[in-house]
């Protein structure tokens, strides 16, 4: 299972809030909800997050076997 637990920590470290993602970077509240629920998101979203946070994929995503 892919989880986004690392995303929230990376956002905190980089000073990016959910409010900033919505209002400054055009993220939808639905997209953030999918990330919070570890739901399906596309690679475009992952790529955009990496650009915004200036980080590597492994800093926002983790694979946890079932």
Protein backbone atom coordinates (compact mmCIF):
# COMPACT_ATOMS: atom_id res chain seq x y z
CA UNK A 1 0.00 0.00 0.00
CA UNK A 2 1.24 3.48 -0.88
CA UNK A 3 0.94 5.96 2.00
CA UNK A 4 1.57 9.69 2.13
CA UNK A 5 2.57 9.98 5.79
CA UNK A 6 5.95 11.42 4.81
CA UNK A 7 4.26 14.17 2.81
CA UNK A 8 2.88 15.91 5.89
CA UNK A 9 6.25 15.85 7.64
CA UNK A 10 8.03 17.19 4.56
CA UNK A 11 5.44 19.94 4.20
CA UNK A 12 5.96 20.91 7.83
CA UNK A 13 9.74 21.03 7.39
CA UNK A 14 9.45 23.13 4.23
CA UNK A 15 6.86 25.51 5.69
CA UNK A 16 4.16 24.61 3.17
CA UNK A 17 0.65 24.35 4.58
CA UNK A 18 -2.45 22.82 3.06
CA UNK A 19 -3.79 26.38 2.82
CA UNK A 20 -0.77 27.35 0.67
CA UNK A 21 -1.23 24.29 -1.55
CA UNK A 22 -4.84 25.30 -2.20
CA UNK A 23 -4.49 29.07 -2.53
CA UNK A 24 -1.00 29.51 -3.96
CA UNK A 25 -0.52 26.32 -5.99
CA UNK A 26 -4.07 25.52 -7.15
CA UNK A 27 -4.56 22.21 -5.37
CA UNK A 28 -8.15 21.17 -4.88
CA UNK A 29 -9.52 20.22 -1.49
CA UNK A 30 -10.56 16.91 -3.04
CA UNK A 31 -6.99 16.15 -4.05
CA UNK A 32 -5.75 16.90 -0.52
CA UNK A 33 -8.51 14.69 0.87
CA UNK A 34 -7.32 11.79 -1.32
CA UNK A 35 -3.77 12.32 -0.06
CA UNK A 36 -4.96 12.37 3.58
CA UNK A 37 -6.87 9.12 3.02
CA UNK A 38 -3.94 7.49 1.17
CA UNK A 39 -6.28 7.17 -1.80
CA UNK A 40 -5.28 7.00 -5.47
CA UNK A 41 -3.52 10.03 -6.92
CA UNK A 42 -1.85 10.31 -10.30
CA UNK A 43 1.84 10.83 -10.99
CA UNK A 44 1.20 14.37 -12.19
CA UNK A 45 0.12 15.22 -8.63
CA UNK A 46 3.17 13.50 -7.15
CA UNK A 47 5.43 15.33 -9.60
CA UNK A 48 3.80 18.67 -8.76
CA UNK A 49 4.24 18.08 -5.03
CA UNK A 50 7.92 17.25 -5.54
CA UNK A 51 8.40 20.49 -7.50
CA UNK A 52 6.60 22.60 -4.90
CA UNK A 53 8.43 21.01 -1.98
CA UNK A 54 11.74 20.70 -3.85
CA UNK A 55 12.08 17.11 -2.70
CA UNK A 56 12.44 13.53 -3.89
CA UNK A 57 9.51 11.16 -4.27
CA UNK A 58 10.62 9.12 -1.28
CA UNK A 59 10.25 12.19 0.90
CA UNK A 60 6.49 12.21 0.34
CA UNK A 61 5.58 8.59 -0.49
CA UNK A 62 6.21 5.31 1.25
CA UNK A 63 5.31 1.77 0.27
CA UNK A 64 4.06 -0.39 3.13
CA UNK A 65 3.35 -4.02 2.25
CA UNK A 66 -0.09 -5.27 3.29
